[in-house]
N, C-alpha and C. Protein backbone atom coordinates (compact mmCIF):
# COMPACT_ATOMS: atom_id res chain seq x y z
N LYS A 1 -19.47 57.23 -85.03
CA LYS A 1 -20.53 56.07 -86.79
C LYS A 1 -20.14 54.87 -86.90
N ARG A 2 -19.66 53.88 -85.07
CA ARG A 2 -20.47 52.68 -84.80
C ARG A 2 -22.19 53.13 -84.54
N VAL A 3 -22.30 53.60 -83.84
CA VAL A 3 -23.36 53.63 -83.60
C VAL A 3 -24.36 54.02 -84.27
N ALA A 4 -24.29 55.10 -85.10
CA ALA A 4 -25.29 55.28 -86.00
C ALA A 4 -25.54 54.03 -87.35
N LYS A 5 -23.96 53.45 -87.73
CA LYS A 5 -24.30 51.68 -88.28
C LYS A 5 -24.95 50.93 -87.68
N ASN A 6 -25.11 50.72 -86.51
CA ASN A 6 -25.95 49.45 -85.13
C ASN A 6 -27.26 50.34 -85.88
N ASN A 7 -27.17 51.12 -85.41
CA ASN A 7 -28.80 52.10 -85.37
C ASN A 7 -30.18 52.51 -87.04
N SER A 8 -28.73 51.66 -87.86
CA SER A 8 -29.15 52.08 -89.47
C SER A 8 -29.92 50.01 -89.57
N HIS A 9 -28.91 49.68 -89.27
CA HIS A 9 -29.30 48.04 -89.30
C HIS A 9 -29.95 47.67 -88.49
N GLU A 10 -31.05 47.67 -87.22
CA GLU A 10 -31.54 48.03 -86.30
C GLU A 10 -32.40 48.72 -86.55
N ASN A 11 -32.54 49.58 -87.47
CA ASN A 11 -33.92 50.36 -87.83
C ASN A 11 -34.26 49.67 -89.15
N THR A 12 -34.08 48.93 -89.99
CA THR A 12 -33.84 48.14 -91.31
C THR A 12 -35.35 46.91 -91.09
N LYS A 13 -35.70 46.13 -89.81
CA LYS A 13 -36.85 45.50 -90.04
C LYS A 13 -37.83 46.28 -89.41
N ARG A 14 -37.49 47.37 -88.79
CA ARG A 14 -38.87 48.11 -87.98
C ARG A 14 -39.64 48.33 -89.22
N LEU A 15 -41.15 48.20 -88.62
CA LEU A 15 -41.81 48.89 -89.50
C LEU A 15 -42.35 49.60 -89.45
N THR A 16 -43.29 50.51 -90.13
CA THR A 16 -43.57 52.60 -89.45
C THR A 16 -45.06 51.97 -89.31
N ARG A 17 -45.16 52.49 -88.85
CA ARG A 17 -47.48 52.02 -88.98
C ARG A 17 -47.35 53.86 -88.70
N GLU A 18 -48.60 54.45 -89.50
CA GLU A 18 -48.96 55.67 -89.89
C GLU A 18 -50.22 55.39 -89.45
N TYR A 19 -51.08 55.29 -88.45
CA TYR A 19 -52.35 55.56 -87.65
C TYR A 19 -53.40 56.95 -88.00
N GLU A 20 -54.91 56.16 -88.82
CA GLU A 20 -55.89 57.36 -89.31
C GLU A 20 -56.89 56.65 -88.08
N PRO A 21 -57.60 58.30 -87.76
CA PRO A 21 -58.61 58.66 -88.13
C PRO A 21 -60.14 57.14 -88.15
N GLY A 22 -60.43 56.81 -87.16
CA GLY A 22 -61.35 55.85 -87.15
C GLY A 22 -61.31 54.57 -86.72
N GLU A 23 -59.73 54.07 -86.95
CA GLU A 23 -58.74 53.27 -86.52
C GLU A 23 -59.30 51.57 -85.86
N THR A 24 -58.82 50.49 -85.20
CA THR A 24 -58.86 50.28 -84.04
C THR A 24 -58.43 49.52 -84.07
N VAL A 25 -58.24 50.38 -81.85
CA VAL A 25 -56.91 49.55 -81.18
C VAL A 25 -57.17 48.99 -80.27
N LEU A 26 -55.88 47.87 -79.85
CA LEU A 26 -56.05 48.02 -78.15
C LEU A 26 -55.84 48.81 -77.69
N LEU A 27 -55.27 48.84 -75.89
CA LEU A 27 -54.94 49.79 -74.93
C LEU A 27 -54.46 48.45 -74.44
N ARG A 28 -52.29 48.75 -73.77
CA ARG A 28 -52.18 48.21 -73.02
C ARG A 28 -52.68 48.89 -71.55
N LYS A 29 -52.36 48.32 -71.34
CA LYS A 29 -52.21 48.24 -69.38
C LYS A 29 -50.55 48.64 -68.97
N ASP A 30 -51.09 49.91 -68.32
CA ASP A 30 -50.17 50.42 -67.35
C ASP A 30 -48.61 48.77 -67.11
N ASN A 31 -47.42 48.96 -66.55
CA ASN A 31 -46.68 47.72 -65.67
C ASN A 31 -47.01 48.16 -64.69
N HIS A 32 -48.24 47.62 -63.98
CA HIS A 32 -47.60 47.86 -62.81
C HIS A 32 -47.90 46.68 -62.14
N PRO A 33 -46.91 45.72 -61.08
CA PRO A 33 -46.91 44.51 -60.73
C PRO A 33 -48.69 43.74 -60.47
N GLN A 34 -49.23 42.73 -60.68
CA GLN A 34 -50.50 42.28 -60.31
C GLN A 34 -50.33 41.60 -59.34
N ALA A 35 -50.68 41.05 -58.56
CA ALA A 35 -50.45 39.55 -57.70
C ALA A 35 -51.56 38.57 -58.60
N ASN A 36 -52.84 38.68 -59.43
CA ASN A 36 -53.27 37.76 -59.91
C ASN A 36 -52.99 38.14 -61.81
N PRO A 37 -53.27 36.86 -61.74
CA PRO A 37 -52.53 36.95 -63.60
C PRO A 37 -53.71 38.20 -63.82
N THR A 38 -53.39 39.06 -64.93
CA THR A 38 -54.55 39.93 -65.48
C THR A 38 -54.15 40.36 -66.95
N PRO A 39 -54.89 40.39 -67.78
CA PRO A 39 -55.22 40.92 -69.47
C PRO A 39 -53.85 41.42 -69.80
N LEU A 40 -53.22 41.63 -70.52
CA LEU A 40 -52.03 42.83 -70.96
C LEU A 40 -52.62 44.32 -71.53
N LEU A 41 -53.57 43.71 -72.19
CA LEU A 41 -54.37 44.98 -72.78
C LEU A 41 -55.75 45.06 -72.66
N ASN A 42 -56.34 46.26 -72.61
CA ASN A 42 -57.69 46.72 -72.73
C ASN A 42 -58.49 47.42 -74.08
N GLY A 43 -59.92 46.73 -74.13
CA GLY A 43 -60.48 47.00 -74.80
C GLY A 43 -60.48 47.16 -76.43
N ILE A 44 -61.26 47.15 -76.89
CA ILE A 44 -61.19 47.79 -78.17
C ILE A 44 -61.63 48.80 -78.41
N HIS A 45 -61.30 50.06 -79.05
CA HIS A 45 -60.76 51.60 -78.95
C HIS A 45 -61.20 51.97 -80.27
N THR A 46 -61.65 52.95 -80.60
CA THR A 46 -61.55 54.12 -81.94
C THR A 46 -60.30 55.13 -81.40
N VAL A 47 -59.46 55.26 -83.09
CA VAL A 47 -59.29 56.56 -83.09
C VAL A 47 -60.04 57.10 -83.15
N THR A 48 -59.77 58.91 -82.47
CA THR A 48 -60.94 60.00 -83.26
C THR A 48 -59.93 61.14 -83.28
N ALA A 49 -58.53 61.54 -83.38
CA ALA A 49 -57.29 61.51 -83.53
C ALA A 49 -55.94 61.48 -83.49
N VAL A 50 -55.60 61.96 -84.47
CA VAL A 50 -53.64 61.44 -84.54
C VAL A 50 -53.54 63.16 -84.41
N ARG A 51 -52.12 62.81 -83.49
CA ARG A 51 -51.47 64.65 -82.83
C ARG A 51 -49.90 64.36 -83.96
N THR A 52 -48.95 65.09 -84.63
CA THR A 52 -48.21 64.64 -83.86
C THR A 52 -46.71 64.89 -83.66
N ASN A 53 -47.03 64.73 -81.78
CA ASN A 53 -46.03 64.76 -80.90
C ASN A 53 -45.93 63.19 -80.74
N GLY A 54 -46.78 61.82 -81.85
CA GLY A 54 -46.93 60.90 -81.40
C GLY A 54 -47.61 59.98 -80.51
N THR A 55 -48.85 60.62 -80.08
CA THR A 55 -50.31 60.50 -79.65
C THR A 55 -51.64 60.15 -79.77
N LEU A 56 -52.15 59.68 -79.30
CA LEU A 56 -53.82 59.23 -80.43
C LEU A 56 -54.74 59.51 -79.15
N VAL A 57 -55.66 60.46 -79.72
CA VAL A 57 -57.06 60.43 -79.01
C VAL A 57 -57.86 59.37 -79.34
N LEU A 58 -58.03 58.16 -78.36
CA LEU A 58 -59.32 56.78 -78.18
C LEU A 58 -60.36 57.38 -77.67
N ASP A 59 -61.33 57.51 -78.31
CA ASP A 59 -62.57 57.37 -78.07
C ASP A 59 -62.96 56.26 -76.87
N LYS A 60 -63.77 56.58 -75.85
CA LYS A 60 -63.32 55.41 -74.22
C LYS A 60 -64.82 55.15 -73.84
N GLY A 61 -65.46 55.77 -74.82
CA GLY A 61 -67.14 56.04 -74.79
C GLY A 61 -66.97 56.79 -73.42
N LYS A 62 -67.60 56.78 -72.41
CA LYS A 62 -67.39 57.99 -72.17
C LYS A 62 -66.78 59.73 -71.95
N TYR A 63 -65.35 59.04 -72.30
CA TYR A 63 -64.58 60.76 -72.35
C TYR A 63 -63.67 60.10 -73.21
N MET A 64 -62.34 60.57 -73.38
CA MET A 64 -62.01 60.79 -74.99
C MET A 64 -60.46 60.93 -73.35
N GLU A 65 -59.56 59.45 -74.27
CA GLU A 65 -58.06 59.56 -73.17
C GLU A 65 -57.13 59.71 -74.70
N THR A 66 -55.84 60.95 -74.49
CA THR A 66 -55.10 60.66 -75.53
C THR A 66 -53.14 59.89 -74.53
N VAL A 67 -53.75 58.69 -75.43
CA VAL A 67 -52.49 57.94 -75.28
C VAL A 67 -51.29 58.48 -75.63
N HIS A 68 -49.88 57.78 -75.84
CA HIS A 68 -48.68 57.59 -76.86
C HIS A 68 -48.93 56.46 -77.31
N ILE A 69 -48.68 56.37 -78.82
CA ILE A 69 -48.41 55.69 -79.79
C ILE A 69 -47.37 54.08 -79.13
N ARG A 70 -47.02 54.14 -78.59
CA ARG A 70 -46.61 53.21 -78.40
C ARG A 70 -47.37 52.03 -76.72
N ARG A 71 -48.55 52.73 -76.50
CA ARG A 71 -49.28 51.92 -75.61
C ARG A 71 -50.54 51.07 -76.76
N VAL A 72 -50.42 51.33 -78.02
CA VAL A 72 -51.98 50.52 -78.45
C VAL A 72 -51.14 49.91 -79.62
N VAL A 73 -52.28 49.03 -79.58
CA VAL A 73 -51.77 47.84 -80.42
C VAL A 73 -52.78 47.71 -81.10
N PRO A 74 -52.31 47.92 -82.67
CA PRO A 74 -53.51 47.84 -83.78
C PRO A 74 -54.34 46.49 -84.37
N ILE A 75 -55.48 46.36 -84.49
CA ILE A 75 -56.50 45.88 -84.80
C ILE A 75 -56.13 45.38 -86.31
N LYS A 76 -56.26 43.52 -86.99
CA LYS A 76 -56.63 44.26 -87.72
C LYS A 76 -57.66 42.58 -88.14
N PHE A 77 -58.82 42.89 -88.84
CA PHE A 77 -60.00 42.50 -89.39
C PHE A 77 -60.13 41.29 -90.08
């Protein structure tokens, strides 16, 4: 009972985000330790498809990549 109460309290501040095809997003790089400081986000990519299992299909120029929604950051213009 207490777990459900804590979860509902934490989720009140969570923002829900619905991605749509045609949106532009930044892609987070994998969490591999680097010797030199490198950017954490990678390029501007276009969402081509949204799947029901929590993944997006991104157009990366020469190929399409399927990534989880936790790895993308929406761009606000």
